[in-house]
């Protein structure tokens, strides 16, 4: 089975994450440096993304998604903000339900 999200879905999710990242980070009481360290990027990279001087990559989006889904409050907002859409959840639940582990 093929697992691929279309570029429009990715771009929309990245845009919505970028727009709401400061609010989500603030809810977790994390500094830019702390969040950057959690997701494996430099603080300046995170600052550039938050100020829209740099486009967020899909890998950074997925790392942020992982962090924000781990907290009850931020997780509940991901759908409201259009970040973790039903399509995205469906695509990822599809691969996690397959018996592909070795």
C-alpha atoms as a PDB file:
ATOM      1  CA  UNK A   1       0.000   0.000   0.000  1.00  0.00           C
ATOM      2  CA  UNK A   2       1.297   3.435  -0.921  1.00  0.00           C
ATOM      3  CA  UNK A   3       1.585   6.084   1.756  1.00  0.00           C
ATOM      4  CA  UNK A   4       1.886   9.594   0.375  1.00  0.00           C
ATOM      5  CA  UNK A   5       0.250  12.853   1.345  1.00  0.00           C
ATOM      6  CA  UNK A   6      -0.398  15.371  -1.389  1.00  0.00           C
ATOM      7  CA  UNK A   7       1.622  18.583  -1.353  1.00  0.00           C
ATOM      8  CA  UNK A   8      -1.448  20.761  -0.778  1.00  0.00           C
ATOM      9  CA  UNK A   9      -2.245  18.929   2.477  1.00  0.00           C
ATOM     10  CA  UNK A  10       1.354  19.211   3.621  1.00  0.00           C
ATOM     11  CA  UNK A  11       1.536  22.920   2.802  1.00  0.00           C
ATOM     12  CA  UNK A  12      -1.749  23.650   4.579  1.00  0.00           C
ATOM     13  CA  UNK A  13      -0.649  21.746   7.676  1.00  0.00           C
ATOM     14  CA  UNK A  14       2.738  23.498   7.725  1.00  0.00           C
ATOM     15  CA  UNK A  15       1.103  26.917   7.283  1.00  0.00           C
ATOM     16  CA  UNK A  16      -1.334  26.276  10.129  1.00  0.00           C
ATOM     17  CA  UNK A  17       1.460  25.008  12.388  1.00  0.00           C
ATOM     18  CA  UNK A  18       3.558  28.081  11.596  1.00  0.00           C
ATOM     19  CA  UNK A  19       0.655  30.450  12.374  1.00  0.00           C
ATOM     20  CA  UNK A  20      -0.022  28.808  15.740  1.00  0.00           C
ATOM     21  CA  UNK A  21       3.423  27.645  16.846  1.00  0.00           C
ATOM     22  CA  UNK A  22       4.058  30.498  19.302  1.00  0.00           C
ATOM     23  CA  UNK A  23       0.733  29.881  21.059  1.00  0.00           C
ATOM     24  CA  UNK A  24       1.329  26.130  21.239  1.00  0.00           C
ATOM     25  CA  UNK A  25       4.901  26.580  22.498  1.00  0.00           C
ATOM     26  CA  UNK A  26       3.709  29.090  25.101  1.00  0.00           C
ATOM     27  CA  UNK A  27       1.063  26.668  26.365  1.00  0.00           C
ATOM     28  CA  UNK A  28       3.852  24.198  27.099  1.00  0.00           C
ATOM     29  CA  UNK A  29       5.872  26.913  28.881  1.00  0.00           C
ATOM     30  CA  UNK A  30       8.813  26.241  26.579  1.00  0.00           C
ATOM     31  CA  UNK A  31      11.343  28.794  25.419  1.00  0.00           C
ATOM     32  CA  UNK A  32      12.381  28.835  21.795  1.00  0.00           C
ATOM     33  CA  UNK A  33      15.685  27.242  22.791  1.00  0.00           C
ATOM     34  CA  UNK A  34      13.950  24.448  24.731  1.00  0.00           C
ATOM     35  CA  UNK A  35      11.565  23.599  21.904  1.00  0.00           C
ATOM     36  CA  UNK A  36      14.359  23.781  19.337  1.00  0.00           C
ATOM     37  CA  UNK A  37      16.385  21.340  21.434  1.00  0.00           C
ATOM     38  CA  UNK A  38      13.413  18.964  21.727  1.00  0.00           C
ATOM     39  CA  UNK A  39      12.940  18.773  17.964  1.00  0.00           C
ATOM     40  CA  UNK A  40      16.601  18.797  17.028  1.00  0.00           C
ATOM     41  CA  UNK A  41      16.999  22.186  15.348  1.00  0.00           C
ATOM     42  CA  UNK A  42      18.880  25.314  16.337  1.00  0.00           C
ATOM     43  CA  UNK A  43      17.139  28.129  18.189  1.00  0.00           C
ATOM     44  CA  UNK A  44      17.790  30.491  15.268  1.00  0.00           C
ATOM     45  CA  UNK A  45      16.020  28.066  12.929  1.00  0.00           C
ATOM     46  CA  UNK A  46      12.981  28.028  15.192  1.00  0.00           C
ATOM     47  CA  UNK A  47      13.035  31.840  15.464  1.00  0.00           C
ATOM     48  CA  UNK A  48      13.217  32.141  11.670  1.00  0.00           C
ATOM     49  CA  UNK A  49      10.233  29.800  11.288  1.00  0.00           C
ATOM     50  CA  UNK A  50       8.187  31.659  13.912  1.00  0.00           C
ATOM     51  CA  UNK A  51       8.915  35.008  12.258  1.00  0.00           C
ATOM     52  CA  UNK A  52       8.241  33.526   8.796  1.00  0.00           C
ATOM     53  CA  UNK A  53      11.735  34.223   7.529  1.00  0.00           C
ATOM     54  CA  UNK A  54      12.188  30.523   6.857  1.00  0.00           C
ATOM     55  CA  UNK A  55       9.725  27.915   5.660  1.00  0.00           C
ATOM     56  CA  UNK A  56       9.165  24.959   7.937  1.00  0.00           C
ATOM     57  CA  UNK A  57      10.221  21.609   6.505  1.00  0.00           C
ATOM     58  CA  UNK A  58       7.963  18.561   6.617  1.00  0.00           C
ATOM     59  CA  UNK A  59      10.402  16.844   9.002  1.00  0.00           C
ATOM     60  CA  UNK A  60      10.276  19.808  11.388  1.00  0.00           C
ATOM     61  CA  UNK A  61       6.488  19.804  11.135  1.00  0.00           C
ATOM     62  CA  UNK A  62       6.372  16.120  12.094  1.00  0.00           C
ATOM     63  CA  UNK A  63       8.740  16.710  15.015  1.00  0.00           C
ATOM     64  CA  UNK A  64       6.588  19.570  16.293  1.00  0.00           C
ATOM     65  CA  UNK A  65       3.460  17.503  15.783  1.00  0.00           C
ATOM     66  CA  UNK A  66       4.949  14.763  17.942  1.00  0.00           C
ATOM     67  CA  UNK A  67       5.774  17.227  20.746  1.00  0.00           C
ATOM     68  CA  UNK A  68       2.381  18.933  20.653  1.00  0.00           C
ATOM     69  CA  UNK A  69       0.401  15.678  20.556  1.00  0.00           C
ATOM     70  CA  UNK A  70       2.053  14.578  23.795  1.00  0.00           C
ATOM     71  CA  UNK A  71       0.271  17.294  25.816  1.00  0.00           C
ATOM     72  CA  UNK A  72      -3.472  17.078  26.416  1.00  0.00           C
ATOM     73  CA  UNK A  73      -4.125  20.813  25.963  1.00  0.00           C
ATOM     74  CA  UNK A  74      -1.999  21.369  22.864  1.00  0.00           C
ATOM     75  CA  UNK A  75      -3.160  18.077  21.343  1.00  0.00           C
ATOM     76  CA  UNK A  76      -6.790  19.174  21.538  1.00  0.00           C
ATOM     77  CA  UNK A  77      -5.964  22.414  19.688  1.00  0.00           C
ATOM     78  CA  UNK A  78      -4.161  20.750  16.777  1.00  0.00           C
ATOM     79  CA  UNK A  79      -7.458  19.842  15.112  1.00  0.00           C
ATOM     80  CA  UNK A  80      -9.066  23.180  15.924  1.00  0.00           C
ATOM     81  CA  UNK A  81      -6.142  25.014  14.320  1.00  0.00           C
ATOM     82  CA  UNK A  82      -6.266  22.772  11.232  1.00  0.00           C
ATOM     83  CA  UNK A  83      -2.834  21.318  11.932  1.00  0.00           C
ATOM     84  CA  UNK A  84      -3.575  17.654  12.583  1.00  0.00           C
ATOM     85  CA  UNK A  85      -6.389  17.137  10.114  1.00  0.00           C
ATOM     86  CA  UNK A  86      -8.600  14.090   9.734  1.00  0.00           C
ATOM     87  CA  UNK A  87      -6.791  13.258   6.488  1.00  0.00           C
ATOM     88  CA  UNK A  88      -3.415  13.385   8.198  1.00  0.00           C
ATOM     89  CA  UNK A  89      -4.643  11.241  11.089  1.00  0.00           C
ATOM     90  CA  UNK A  90      -6.120   8.758   8.645  1.00  0.00           C
ATOM     91  CA  UNK A  91      -2.914   8.516   6.618  1.00  0.00           C
ATOM     92  CA  UNK A  92      -0.760   7.946   9.682  1.00  0.00           C
ATOM     93  CA  UNK A  93      -3.153   5.529  11.356  1.00  0.00           C
ATOM     94  CA  UNK A  94      -3.162   3.597   8.103  1.00  0.00           C
ATOM     95  CA  UNK A  95       0.576   2.894   8.293  1.00  0.00           C
ATOM     96  CA  UNK A  96       0.586   2.242  12.015  1.00  0.00           C
ATOM     97  CA  UNK A  97      -2.099  -0.424  11.597  1.00  0.00           C
ATOM     98  CA  UNK A  98      -0.043  -2.399   9.070  1.00  0.00           C
ATOM     99  CA  UNK A  99       2.058  -5.350  10.130  1.00  0.00           C
ATOM    100  CA  UNK A 100       5.325  -3.971   8.814  1.00  0.00           C
ATOM    101  CA  UNK A 101       7.438  -4.245  11.941  1.00  0.00           C
ATOM    102  CA  UNK A 102      10.489  -6.499  11.738  1.00  0.00           C
END
